[in-house]
Amino acid sequence: MFVTAQEVYDVMQELRKTQQQTVPTEQTQQEENQKDMILYFAAERSVDMVKAYCAIENVPEVLKGVCVSIGLLLYDTENYEQRQQQGSLKSMRQGNVTVTYEQVQERFEKDKKKILEGFSEELNQFRVMKW
């Protein structure tokens, strides 16, 4: 069996629902649908990242948990719900006051590499050589 983005999304959605407060919020159905689309994108992206890292066409069933974890990390670290993303502080100088912020794209690439490095032990078992 192979893992699909839909299966990863279903698990992520269940986990997200269990983490949500039981107190009803004033969110509209449109906002909830938007979050679901973003969650599906993160699930799809996690499966694609695993495929690319391992150089495989289909993700084995045993990596389903890894895909779910990566998807949730992508969803959380990217702050997809947040419309205004600011870069993090890259460098700071006190003499003549210089402050440099890291670009959002730069930060995303670093975060993506860190996420994959965190799962390299599990993923390396399925990694194949590219030709």
N, C-alpha and C. Protein backbone atom coordinates (compact mmCIF):
# COMPACT_ATOMS: atom_id res chain seq x y z
N MET A 1 0.84 -1.19 0.00
CA MET A 1 0.00 0.00 0.00
C MET A 1 0.88 1.25 0.00
N PHE A 2 0.33 2.27 -0.63
CA PHE A 2 1.03 3.55 -0.69
C PHE A 2 0.16 4.63 -0.05
N VAL A 3 0.80 5.66 0.43
CA VAL A 3 0.13 6.77 1.10
C VAL A 3 -0.25 7.82 0.07
N THR A 4 -1.47 8.38 0.21
CA THR A 4 -1.89 9.48 -0.64
C THR A 4 -2.00 10.74 0.20
N ALA A 5 -2.02 11.86 -0.47
CA ALA A 5 -2.17 13.15 0.22
C ALA A 5 -3.51 13.20 0.94
N GLN A 6 -4.53 12.59 0.37
CA GLN A 6 -5.86 12.60 0.99
C GLN A 6 -5.84 11.86 2.33
N GLU A 7 -5.13 10.73 2.39
CA GLU A 7 -5.03 9.98 3.65
C GLU A 7 -4.30 10.80 4.71
N VAL A 8 -3.24 11.45 4.30
CA VAL A 8 -2.48 12.29 5.23
C VAL A 8 -3.36 13.45 5.71
N TYR A 9 -4.09 14.05 4.78
CA TYR A 9 -4.99 15.15 5.13
C TYR A 9 -6.05 14.71 6.12
N ASP A 10 -6.64 13.54 5.92
CA ASP A 10 -7.68 13.04 6.82
C ASP A 10 -7.15 12.89 8.25
N VAL A 11 -5.95 12.34 8.38
CA VAL A 11 -5.36 12.18 9.71
C VAL A 11 -5.05 13.55 10.32
N MET A 12 -4.49 14.45 9.51
CA MET A 12 -4.18 15.79 10.00
C MET A 12 -5.44 16.52 10.46
N GLN A 13 -6.50 16.36 9.71
CA GLN A 13 -7.76 17.01 10.05
C GLN A 13 -8.32 16.47 11.36
N GLU A 14 -8.24 15.16 11.55
CA GLU A 14 -8.69 14.56 12.82
C GLU A 14 -7.86 15.07 13.99
N LEU A 15 -6.56 15.13 13.81
CA LEU A 15 -5.68 15.63 14.87
C LEU A 15 -5.98 17.10 15.18
N ARG A 16 -6.21 17.87 14.15
CA ARG A 16 -6.51 19.29 14.35
C ARG A 16 -7.82 19.47 15.10
N LYS A 17 -8.81 18.65 14.78
CA LYS A 17 -10.11 18.75 15.46
C LYS A 17 -9.99 18.39 16.93
N THR A 18 -9.15 17.42 17.26
CA THR A 18 -8.99 17.04 18.67
C THR A 18 -8.23 18.11 19.45
N GLN A 19 -7.41 18.90 18.75
CA GLN A 19 -6.66 19.96 19.42
C GLN A 19 -7.48 21.23 19.58
N GLN A 20 -8.55 21.39 18.80
CA GLN A 20 -9.35 22.60 18.88
C GLN A 20 -10.13 22.62 20.18
N GLN A 21 -10.46 23.81 20.60
CA GLN A 21 -11.25 23.98 21.81
C GLN A 21 -12.67 23.47 21.56
N THR A 22 -13.29 22.96 22.62
CA THR A 22 -14.66 22.49 22.49
C THR A 22 -15.65 23.64 22.56
N VAL A 23 -15.18 24.79 23.01
CA VAL A 23 -16.04 25.97 23.07
C VAL A 23 -16.26 26.48 21.65
N PRO A 24 -17.52 26.68 21.23
CA PRO A 24 -17.76 27.16 19.86
C PRO A 24 -17.15 28.55 19.65
N THR A 25 -16.59 28.73 18.48
CA THR A 25 -16.01 30.03 18.13
C THR A 25 -16.91 30.71 17.12
N GLU A 26 -16.57 31.95 16.81
CA GLU A 26 -17.39 32.73 15.89
C GLU A 26 -16.81 32.71 14.47
N GLN A 27 -16.21 31.60 14.11
CA GLN A 27 -15.64 31.50 12.76
C GLN A 27 -16.74 31.17 11.77
N THR A 28 -16.64 31.74 10.63
CA THR A 28 -17.61 31.45 9.59
C THR A 28 -17.23 30.16 8.87
N GLN A 29 -18.17 29.61 8.15
CA GLN A 29 -17.92 28.40 7.38
C GLN A 29 -16.86 28.64 6.32
N GLN A 30 -16.83 29.84 5.76
CA GLN A 30 -15.84 30.17 4.74
C GLN A 30 -14.42 30.11 5.32
N GLU A 31 -14.23 30.64 6.52
CA GLU A 31 -12.92 30.60 7.16
C GLU A 31 -12.49 29.16 7.44
N GLU A 32 -13.45 28.35 7.86
CA GLU A 32 -13.15 26.95 8.15
C GLU A 32 -12.77 26.20 6.86
N ASN A 33 -13.47 26.49 5.77
CA ASN A 33 -13.14 25.88 4.49
C ASN A 33 -11.75 26.29 4.01
N GLN A 34 -11.40 27.56 4.25
CA GLN A 34 -10.08 28.05 3.87
C GLN A 34 -9.00 27.32 4.66
N LYS A 35 -9.21 27.12 5.94
CA LYS A 35 -8.24 26.39 6.76
C LYS A 35 -8.10 24.96 6.28
N ASP A 36 -9.22 24.35 5.87
CA ASP A 36 -9.17 22.98 5.37
C ASP A 36 -8.37 22.91 4.08
N MET A 37 -8.52 23.89 3.20
CA MET A 37 -7.75 23.91 1.96
C MET A 37 -6.26 24.07 2.26
N ILE A 38 -5.93 24.91 3.22
CA ILE A 38 -4.54 25.13 3.59
C ILE A 38 -3.97 23.86 4.22
N LEU A 39 -4.76 23.18 5.04
CA LEU A 39 -4.34 21.94 5.66
C LEU A 39 -4.09 20.87 4.58
N TYR A 40 -4.97 20.82 3.59
CA TYR A 40 -4.78 19.85 2.49
C TYR A 40 -3.51 20.18 1.71
N PHE A 41 -3.26 21.46 1.49
CA PHE A 41 -2.03 21.86 0.80
C PHE A 41 -0.81 21.40 1.58
N ALA A 42 -0.82 21.57 2.90
CA ALA A 42 0.31 21.14 3.73
C ALA A 42 0.48 19.62 3.66
N ALA A 43 -0.64 18.89 3.63
CA ALA A 43 -0.58 17.43 3.52
C ALA A 43 0.02 17.01 2.18
N GLU A 44 -0.44 17.64 1.14
CA GLU A 44 0.06 17.34 -0.20
C GLU A 44 1.54 17.69 -0.31
N ARG A 45 1.91 18.81 0.27
CA ARG A 45 3.31 19.26 0.24
C ARG A 45 4.20 18.30 1.00
N SER A 46 3.71 17.78 2.13
CA SER A 46 4.53 16.85 2.93
C SER A 46 4.79 15.56 2.16
N VAL A 47 3.79 15.05 1.46
CA VAL A 47 3.96 13.85 0.65
C VAL A 47 4.96 14.12 -0.47
N ASP A 48 4.86 15.27 -1.11
CA ASP A 48 5.79 15.64 -2.17
C ASP A 48 7.22 15.77 -1.65
N MET A 49 7.37 16.34 -0.46
CA MET A 49 8.70 16.50 0.12
C MET A 49 9.34 15.14 0.41
N VAL A 50 8.55 14.21 0.92
CA VAL A 50 9.06 12.86 1.21
C VAL A 50 9.45 12.16 -0.09
N LYS A 51 8.61 12.29 -1.10
CA LYS A 51 8.93 11.68 -2.40
C LYS A 51 10.24 12.24 -2.96
N ALA A 52 10.40 13.56 -2.88
CA ALA A 52 11.60 14.20 -3.42
C ALA A 52 12.83 13.82 -2.61
N TYR A 53 12.71 13.80 -1.30
CA TYR A 53 13.85 13.48 -0.44
C TYR A 53 14.31 12.04 -0.67
N CYS A 54 13.37 11.13 -0.77
CA CYS A 54 13.69 9.71 -0.92
C CYS A 54 13.90 9.30 -2.37
N ALA A 55 13.57 10.19 -3.31
CA ALA A 55 13.67 9.91 -4.74
C ALA A 55 12.81 8.69 -5.11
N ILE A 56 11.57 8.68 -4.62
CA ILE A 56 10.64 7.59 -4.90
C ILE A 56 9.37 8.17 -5.51
N GLU A 57 8.63 7.33 -6.22
CA GLU A 57 7.40 7.79 -6.86
C GLU A 57 6.18 7.66 -5.95
N ASN A 58 6.20 6.67 -5.06
CA ASN A 58 5.08 6.44 -4.13
C ASN A 58 5.61 6.31 -2.72
N VAL A 59 4.88 6.87 -1.77
CA VAL A 59 5.29 6.83 -0.37
C VAL A 59 4.73 5.57 0.27
N PRO A 60 5.60 4.73 0.87
CA PRO A 60 5.13 3.51 1.52
C PRO A 60 4.24 3.83 2.73
N GLU A 61 3.37 2.91 3.07
CA GLU A 61 2.41 3.08 4.17
C GLU A 61 3.12 3.35 5.50
N VAL A 62 4.29 2.77 5.71
CA VAL A 62 5.00 2.95 6.99
C VAL A 62 5.47 4.39 7.19
N LEU A 63 5.50 5.20 6.14
CA LEU A 63 5.90 6.60 6.26
C LEU A 63 4.71 7.55 6.41
N LYS A 64 3.53 6.98 6.60
CA LYS A 64 2.33 7.81 6.74
C LYS A 64 2.46 8.75 7.94
N GLY A 65 2.91 8.23 9.06
CA GLY A 65 3.09 9.05 10.26
C GLY A 65 4.09 10.18 10.05
N VAL A 66 5.14 9.89 9.30
CA VAL A 66 6.15 10.91 9.01
C VAL A 66 5.53 12.01 8.15
N CYS A 67 4.74 11.61 7.16
CA CYS A 67 4.08 12.60 6.30
C CYS A 67 3.11 13.46 7.10
N VAL A 68 2.37 12.84 8.01
CA VAL A 68 1.43 13.60 8.85
C VAL A 68 2.21 14.59 9.72
N SER A 69 3.29 14.13 10.34
CA SER A 69 4.09 15.01 11.19
C SER A 69 4.68 16.17 10.41
N ILE A 70 5.21 15.87 9.23
CA ILE A 70 5.78 16.94 8.40
C ILE A 70 4.69 17.91 7.98
N GLY A 71 3.53 17.39 7.60
CA GLY A 71 2.42 18.26 7.20
C GLY A 71 1.98 19.19 8.32
N LEU A 72 1.89 18.66 9.53
CA LEU A 72 1.51 19.50 10.67
C LEU A 72 2.58 20.53 10.98
N LEU A 73 3.84 20.13 10.87
CA LEU A 73 4.93 21.10 11.08
C LEU A 73 4.91 22.20 10.03
N LEU A 74 4.66 21.82 8.78
CA LEU A 74 4.56 22.83 7.72
C LEU A 74 3.42 23.79 8.01
N TYR A 75 2.29 23.24 8.40
CA TYR A 75 1.11 24.04 8.69
C TYR A 75 1.38 25.01 9.84
N ASP A 76 2.06 24.52 10.87
CA ASP A 76 2.34 25.35 12.04
C ASP A 76 3.47 26.35 11.80
N THR A 77 4.56 25.91 11.18
CA THR A 77 5.71 26.80 11.02
C THR A 77 5.51 27.85 9.96
N GLU A 78 4.69 27.56 8.98
CA GLU A 78 4.49 28.52 7.90
C GLU A 78 3.45 29.58 8.25
N ASN A 79 2.72 29.37 9.32
CA ASN A 79 1.67 30.32 9.70
C ASN A 79 0.80 30.68 8.50
N TYR A 80 0.31 29.64 7.81
CA TYR A 80 -0.49 29.87 6.62
C TYR A 80 -1.71 30.73 6.90
N GLU A 81 -2.21 30.65 8.14
CA GLU A 81 -3.39 31.43 8.49
C GLU A 81 -3.07 32.91 8.63
N GLN A 82 -1.83 33.20 8.90
CA GLN A 82 -1.42 34.58 9.11
C GLN A 82 -1.17 35.26 7.77
N ARG A 83 -1.84 36.32 7.51
CA ARG A 83 -1.73 36.98 6.21
C ARG A 83 -0.43 37.76 6.08
N GLN A 84 0.01 38.40 7.16
CA GLN A 84 1.21 39.22 7.09
C GLN A 84 2.36 38.46 7.72
N GLN A 85 3.27 38.01 6.90
CA GLN A 85 4.43 37.31 7.42
C GLN A 85 5.61 38.26 7.42
N GLN A 86 6.25 38.36 8.55
CA GLN A 86 7.43 39.19 8.66
C GLN A 86 8.63 38.28 8.74
N GLY A 87 9.72 38.72 8.17
CA GLY A 87 10.94 37.95 8.28
C GLY A 87 11.47 38.01 9.70
N SER A 88 12.22 37.00 10.08
CA SER A 88 12.80 36.99 11.41
C SER A 88 14.09 37.81 11.39
N LEU A 89 14.55 38.17 12.55
CA LEU A 89 15.75 38.98 12.69
C LEU A 89 16.95 38.18 12.22
N LYS A 90 17.69 38.72 11.27
CA LYS A 90 18.84 38.03 10.71
C LYS A 90 20.12 38.53 11.37
N SER A 91 20.28 39.84 11.48
CA SER A 91 21.46 40.40 12.14
C SER A 91 21.11 41.76 12.75
N MET A 92 21.93 42.13 13.73
CA MET A 92 21.69 43.39 14.41
C MET A 92 23.04 43.99 14.79
N ARG A 93 23.15 45.27 14.67
CA ARG A 93 24.40 45.96 14.98
C ARG A 93 24.06 47.15 15.85
N GLN A 94 24.88 47.47 16.81
CA GLN A 94 24.56 48.59 17.68
C GLN A 94 25.20 49.89 17.24
N GLY A 95 26.45 49.83 16.78
CA GLY A 95 27.11 51.04 16.28
C GLY A 95 26.47 51.48 14.97
N ASN A 96 25.92 52.67 14.92
CA ASN A 96 25.18 53.19 13.77
C ASN A 96 23.94 52.37 13.45
N VAL A 97 23.41 51.67 14.40
CA VAL A 97 22.16 50.90 14.38
C VAL A 97 21.80 50.31 13.02
N THR A 98 22.13 49.06 12.82
CA THR A 98 21.76 48.33 11.61
C THR A 98 20.96 47.10 12.01
N VAL A 99 19.79 46.95 11.47
CA VAL A 99 18.95 45.78 11.73
C VAL A 99 18.59 45.17 10.38
N THR A 100 18.83 43.87 10.24
CA THR A 100 18.54 43.18 8.99
C THR A 100 17.56 42.05 9.27
N TYR A 101 16.52 41.98 8.44
CA TYR A 101 15.53 40.92 8.59
C TYR A 101 15.70 39.91 7.46
N GLU A 102 15.48 38.67 7.80
CA GLU A 102 15.56 37.58 6.84
C GLU A 102 14.29 37.56 5.99
N GLN A 103 14.43 37.34 4.73
CA GLN A 103 13.27 37.29 3.84
C GLN A 103 12.46 36.03 4.14
N VAL A 104 11.16 36.09 3.92
CA VAL A 104 10.26 34.98 4.21
C VAL A 104 10.66 33.74 3.41
N GLN A 105 11.01 33.91 2.15
CA GLN A 105 11.39 32.77 1.30
C GLN A 105 12.66 32.11 1.83
N GLU A 106 13.63 32.92 2.26
CA GLU A 106 14.87 32.40 2.82
C GLU A 106 14.58 31.57 4.06
N ARG A 107 13.71 32.09 4.92
CA ARG A 107 13.35 31.40 6.15
C ARG A 107 12.63 30.09 5.85
N PHE A 108 11.76 30.09 4.83
CA PHE A 108 11.04 28.88 4.46
C PHE A 108 11.99 27.78 4.02
N GLU A 109 12.99 28.13 3.22
CA GLU A 109 13.95 27.13 2.74
C GLU A 109 14.73 26.54 3.91
N LYS A 110 15.13 27.36 4.86
CA LYS A 110 15.85 26.86 6.03
C LYS A 110 14.95 25.95 6.87
N ASP A 111 13.70 26.37 7.08
CA ASP A 111 12.76 25.58 7.87
C ASP A 111 12.49 24.24 7.21
N LYS A 112 12.35 24.24 5.88
CA LYS A 112 12.08 23.01 5.14
C LYS A 112 13.23 22.03 5.32
N LYS A 113 14.46 22.53 5.23
CA LYS A 113 15.62 21.66 5.41
C LYS A 113 15.69 21.13 6.83
N LYS A 114 15.38 21.97 7.82
CA LYS A 114 15.39 21.53 9.21
C LYS A 114 14.34 20.46 9.46
N ILE A 115 13.18 20.63 8.86
CA ILE A 115 12.11 19.64 9.03
C ILE A 115 12.54 18.30 8.47
N LEU A 116 13.08 18.29 7.26
CA LEU A 116 13.51 17.03 6.67
C LEU A 116 14.68 16.42 7.43
N GLU A 117 15.59 17.24 7.95
CA GLU A 117 16.70 16.73 8.74
C GLU A 117 16.19 16.05 10.01
N GLY A 118 15.11 16.57 10.57
CA GLY A 118 14.53 15.99 11.77
C GLY A 118 13.96 14.60 11.55
N PHE A 119 13.61 14.29 10.33
CA PHE A 119 13.03 12.98 10.00
C PHE A 119 13.98 12.13 9.15
N SER A 120 15.24 12.56 9.03
CA SER A 120 16.18 11.87 8.15
C SER A 120 16.41 10.42 8.57
N GLU A 121 16.35 10.13 9.86
CA GLU A 121 16.58 8.76 10.31
C GLU A 121 15.53 7.81 9.73
N GLU A 122 14.28 8.22 9.75
CA GLU A 122 13.22 7.38 9.19
C GLU A 122 13.24 7.39 7.66
N LEU A 123 13.50 8.56 7.08
CA LEU A 123 13.45 8.70 5.62
C LEU A 123 14.63 8.05 4.91
N ASN A 124 15.80 8.07 5.54
CA ASN A 124 16.99 7.52 4.89
C ASN A 124 16.86 6.02 4.62
N GLN A 125 16.02 5.33 5.37
CA GLN A 125 15.81 3.90 5.13
C GLN A 125 15.13 3.65 3.79
N PHE A 126 14.43 4.65 3.27
CA PHE A 126 13.69 4.50 2.02
C PHE A 126 14.31 5.30 0.87
N ARG A 127 15.41 5.95 1.15
CA ARG A 127 16.05 6.79 0.14
C ARG A 127 16.74 5.92 -0.91
N VAL A 128 16.55 6.27 -2.17
CA VAL A 128 17.21 5.55 -3.25
C VAL A 128 18.08 6.51 -4.05
N MET A 129 19.03 5.96 -4.77
CA MET A 129 19.93 6.79 -5.55
C MET A 129 19.23 7.32 -6.80
N LYS A 130 19.46 8.58 -7.09
CA LYS A 130 18.93 9.17 -8.33
C LYS A 130 19.87 8.87 -9.46
N TRP A 131 19.32 8.64 -10.61
CA TRP A 131 20.15 8.38 -11.80
C TRP A 131 20.16 9.55 -12.70
